[in-house]
C-alpha atoms as a PDB file:
ATOM      1  CA  UNK A   1       0.000   0.000   0.000  1.00  0.00           C
ATOM      2  CA  UNK A   2       1.550   3.280  -1.159  1.00  0.00           C
ATOM      3  CA  UNK A   3       0.166   5.204   1.834  1.00  0.00           C
ATOM      4  CA  UNK A   4       2.140   3.033   4.280  1.00  0.00           C
ATOM      5  CA  UNK A   5       5.261   3.512   2.150  1.00  0.00           C
ATOM      6  CA  UNK A   6       4.814   7.292   2.199  1.00  0.00           C
ATOM      7  CA  UNK A   7       4.478   7.360   5.984  1.00  0.00           C
ATOM      8  CA  UNK A   8       7.487   5.061   6.422  1.00  0.00           C
ATOM      9  CA  UNK A   9       9.573   7.242   4.090  1.00  0.00           C
ATOM     10  CA  UNK A  10       8.704  10.415   6.013  1.00  0.00           C
ATOM     11  CA  UNK A  11       9.311   8.853   9.442  1.00  0.00           C
ATOM     12  CA  UNK A  12      12.631   7.282   8.377  1.00  0.00           C
ATOM     13  CA  UNK A  13      14.049  10.485   6.907  1.00  0.00           C
ATOM     14  CA  UNK A  14      16.620  12.063   9.232  1.00  0.00           C
ATOM     15  CA  UNK A  15      15.740  15.641   8.224  1.00  0.00           C
ATOM     16  CA  UNK A  16      12.005  15.215   8.723  1.00  0.00           C
ATOM     17  CA  UNK A  17      12.261  13.211  11.943  1.00  0.00           C
ATOM     18  CA  UNK A  18      14.705  15.740  13.423  1.00  0.00           C
ATOM     19  CA  UNK A  19      11.951  18.369  13.137  1.00  0.00           C
ATOM     20  CA  UNK A  20       8.730  16.432  13.821  1.00  0.00           C
ATOM     21  CA  UNK A  21       9.803  13.138  15.402  1.00  0.00           C
ATOM     22  CA  UNK A  22       7.172  10.542  14.506  1.00  0.00           C
ATOM     23  CA  UNK A  23       4.281  13.046  14.296  1.00  0.00           C
ATOM     24  CA  UNK A  24       3.094  12.058  10.805  1.00  0.00           C
ATOM     25  CA  UNK A  25      -0.702  11.794  10.624  1.00  0.00           C
ATOM     26  CA  UNK A  26      -3.316  10.995   8.027  1.00  0.00           C
ATOM     27  CA  UNK A  27      -5.902  13.732   7.561  1.00  0.00           C
ATOM     28  CA  UNK A  28      -7.589  14.945   9.594  1.00  0.00           C
ATOM     29  CA  UNK A  29      -4.783  15.430  12.064  1.00  0.00           C
ATOM     30  CA  UNK A  30      -5.857  15.276  15.717  1.00  0.00           C
ATOM     31  CA  UNK A  31      -6.794  18.750  16.917  1.00  0.00           C
ATOM     32  CA  UNK A  32      -4.656  18.422  20.043  1.00  0.00           C
ATOM     33  CA  UNK A  33      -1.621  16.935  18.236  1.00  0.00           C
ATOM     34  CA  UNK A  34       1.712  18.406  19.280  1.00  0.00           C
ATOM     35  CA  UNK A  35       3.349  20.705  16.738  1.00  0.00           C
ATOM     36  CA  UNK A  36       5.269  20.698  14.508  1.00  0.00           C
ATOM     37  CA  UNK A  37       3.722  17.803  12.619  1.00  0.00           C
ATOM     38  CA  UNK A  38       3.095  16.465   9.119  1.00  0.00           C
ATOM     39  CA  UNK A  39      -0.345  15.554   7.773  1.00  0.00           C
ATOM     40  CA  UNK A  40      -1.006  13.687   4.538  1.00  0.00           C
ATOM     41  CA  UNK A  41      -4.012  12.771   2.451  1.00  0.00           C
ATOM     42  CA  UNK A  42      -4.504  10.996  -0.846  1.00  0.00           C
ATOM     43  CA  UNK A  43      -6.019  13.274  -3.487  1.00  0.00           C
ATOM     44  CA  UNK A  44      -6.040  10.888  -6.456  1.00  0.00           C
ATOM     45  CA  UNK A  45      -4.711   7.489  -7.525  1.00  0.00           C
ATOM     46  CA  UNK A  46      -5.043   6.665 -11.221  1.00  0.00           C
ATOM     47  CA  UNK A  47      -3.579   3.942 -13.453  1.00  0.00           C
ATOM     48  CA  UNK A  48      -0.858   4.824 -15.930  1.00  0.00           C
ATOM     49  CA  UNK A  49      -2.057   4.056 -19.454  1.00  0.00           C
ATOM     50  CA  UNK A  50      -0.371   3.549 -22.812  1.00  0.00           C
ATOM     51  CA  UNK A  51      -1.886   2.986 -26.261  1.00  0.00           C
ATOM     52  CA  UNK A  52      -1.767  -0.792 -25.759  1.00  0.00           C
ATOM     53  CA  UNK A  53      -3.585  -0.696 -22.405  1.00  0.00           C
ATOM     54  CA  UNK A  54      -2.917  -0.272 -18.690  1.00  0.00           C
ATOM     55  CA  UNK A  55       0.519  -0.666 -17.118  1.00  0.00           C
ATOM     56  CA  UNK A  56       1.076  -2.067 -13.627  1.00  0.00           C
ATOM     57  CA  UNK A  57       1.918   1.453 -12.471  1.00  0.00           C
ATOM     58  CA  UNK A  58      -0.218   4.073 -10.806  1.00  0.00           C
ATOM     59  CA  UNK A  59       0.171   7.812 -10.325  1.00  0.00           C
ATOM     60  CA  UNK A  60      -0.939   9.018  -6.915  1.00  0.00           C
ATOM     61  CA  UNK A  61      -1.221  12.625  -5.827  1.00  0.00           C
ATOM     62  CA  UNK A  62      -0.852  13.357  -2.135  1.00  0.00           C
ATOM     63  CA  UNK A  63      -1.218  16.609  -0.288  1.00  0.00           C
ATOM     64  CA  UNK A  64       1.427  16.592   2.410  1.00  0.00           C
ATOM     65  CA  UNK A  65       0.969  19.498   4.819  1.00  0.00           C
ATOM     66  CA  UNK A  66       3.410  20.678   7.436  1.00  0.00           C
ATOM     67  CA  UNK A  67       1.948  22.368  10.512  1.00  0.00           C
ATOM     68  CA  UNK A  68       3.740  24.479  13.109  1.00  0.00           C
ATOM     69  CA  UNK A  69       3.020  27.233  15.600  1.00  0.00           C
ATOM     70  CA  UNK A  70       4.863  29.710  13.387  1.00  0.00           C
ATOM     71  CA  UNK A  71       5.026  30.163   9.622  1.00  0.00           C
ATOM     72  CA  UNK A  72       8.815  30.052   9.265  1.00  0.00           C
ATOM     73  CA  UNK A  73       9.027  26.764  11.138  1.00  0.00           C
ATOM     74  CA  UNK A  74       6.284  25.289   8.924  1.00  0.00           C
ATOM     75  CA  UNK A  75       8.328  26.386   5.884  1.00  0.00           C
ATOM     76  CA  UNK A  76      11.473  24.757   7.322  1.00  0.00           C
ATOM     77  CA  UNK A  77       9.617  21.480   7.894  1.00  0.00           C
ATOM     78  CA  UNK A  78       8.242  21.705   4.335  1.00  0.00           C
ATOM     79  CA  UNK A  79      11.794  22.054   3.002  1.00  0.00           C
ATOM     80  CA  UNK A  80      12.768  18.849   4.826  1.00  0.00           C
ATOM     81  CA  UNK A  81       9.684  17.036   3.478  1.00  0.00           C
ATOM     82  CA  UNK A  82      10.438  18.262  -0.052  1.00  0.00           C
ATOM     83  CA  UNK A  83      14.052  17.037   0.217  1.00  0.00           C
ATOM     84  CA  UNK A  84      12.747  13.660   1.415  1.00  0.00           C
ATOM     85  CA  UNK A  85      10.100  13.184  -1.263  1.00  0.00           C
ATOM     86  CA  UNK A  86      11.684  14.803  -4.329  1.00  0.00           C
ATOM     87  CA  UNK A  87      13.051  11.950  -6.404  1.00  0.00           C
ATOM     88  CA  UNK A  88      12.070   9.329  -3.785  1.00  0.00           C
ATOM     89  CA  UNK A  89      12.397   5.866  -5.278  1.00  0.00           C
ATOM     90  CA  UNK A  90      12.591   2.345  -3.897  1.00  0.00           C
ATOM     91  CA  UNK A  91      11.483  -1.152  -4.851  1.00  0.00           C
ATOM     92  CA  UNK A  92       7.837  -0.029  -5.233  1.00  0.00           C
ATOM     93  CA  UNK A  93       8.104   3.692  -5.913  1.00  0.00           C
ATOM     94  CA  UNK A  94       9.469   4.546  -9.348  1.00  0.00           C
ATOM     95  CA  UNK A  95       9.762   8.288  -8.742  1.00  0.00           C
ATOM     96  CA  UNK A  96       8.184  11.054  -6.692  1.00  0.00           C
ATOM     97  CA  UNK A  97       8.316  14.823  -6.850  1.00  0.00           C
ATOM     98  CA  UNK A  98       6.713  17.872  -5.281  1.00  0.00           C
ATOM     99  CA  UNK A  99       4.742  19.620  -8.021  1.00  0.00           C
ATOM    100  CA  UNK A 100       3.401  22.624  -6.090  1.00  0.00           C
ATOM    101  CA  UNK A 101       3.523  24.316  -2.675  1.00  0.00           C
ATOM    102  CA  UNK A 102       1.292  26.857  -0.979  1.00  0.00           C
ATOM    103  CA  UNK A 103       0.768  28.344   2.473  1.00  0.00           C
ATOM    104  CA  UNK A 104      -2.338  27.703   4.535  1.00  0.00           C
ATOM    105  CA  UNK A 105      -3.532  28.922   7.890  1.00  0.00           C
ATOM    106  CA  UNK A 106      -5.447  26.785  10.361  1.00  0.00           C
ATOM    107  CA  UNK A 107      -7.461  29.380  12.252  1.00  0.00           C
ATOM    108  CA  UNK A 108     -10.055  26.737  13.182  1.00  0.00           C
ATOM    109  CA  UNK A 109      -7.633  25.485  15.823  1.00  0.00           C
ATOM    110  CA  UNK A 110      -6.841  26.926  19.212  1.00  0.00           C
ATOM    111  CA  UNK A 111      -4.136  28.087  19.035  1.00  0.00           C
ATOM    112  CA  UNK A 112      -4.087  28.719  15.284  1.00  0.00           C
ATOM    113  CA  UNK A 113      -1.618  26.778  13.093  1.00  0.00           C
ATOM    114  CA  UNK A 114       0.560  27.812  10.201  1.00  0.00           C
ATOM    115  CA  UNK A 115       0.992  25.360   7.366  1.00  0.00           C
ATOM    116  CA  UNK A 116       2.638  24.698   4.049  1.00  0.00           C
ATOM    117  CA  UNK A 117       0.961  22.207   1.717  1.00  0.00           C
ATOM    118  CA  UNK A 118       3.011  20.237  -0.803  1.00  0.00           C
ATOM    119  CA  UNK A 119       1.274  18.572  -3.746  1.00  0.00           C
ATOM    120  CA  UNK A 120       3.318  15.426  -4.256  1.00  0.00           C
ATOM    121  CA  UNK A 121       3.146  13.049  -7.207  1.00  0.00           C
ATOM    122  CA  UNK A 122       4.183   9.410  -6.651  1.00  0.00           C
ATOM    123  CA  UNK A 123       4.486   6.911  -9.503  1.00  0.00           C
ATOM    124  CA  UNK A 124       4.502   3.392  -8.108  1.00  0.00           C
ATOM    125  CA  UNK A 125       4.142  -0.238  -9.105  1.00  0.00           C
ATOM    126  CA  UNK A 126       1.029  -2.077  -7.922  1.00  0.00           C
END
């Protein structure tokens, strides 16, 4: 399952774990979760196709969001996540890359959270 691989990759990365420890959550992240933290959610997961049919590969898009009490720290965590996921490959994952980033603000929380969302594409073998 590609979701488990994504979580394992983030938790095993020295740069990410130095900033968030093991605080990597699927969305929605617990409201009382300690910050900084990383939240992920699957946006899409479609088969790769060629003229002769479907390959045994899929292209998943994840939104990986870093949350922190302050914007600059959220940006620093996002840089570590980007370094981890850009060009990630292993026995299942062919390639991954961050295709877009944007800032978000979680004012629904008390206290409010600052975030940076990374749209991440992962091409993997089923």
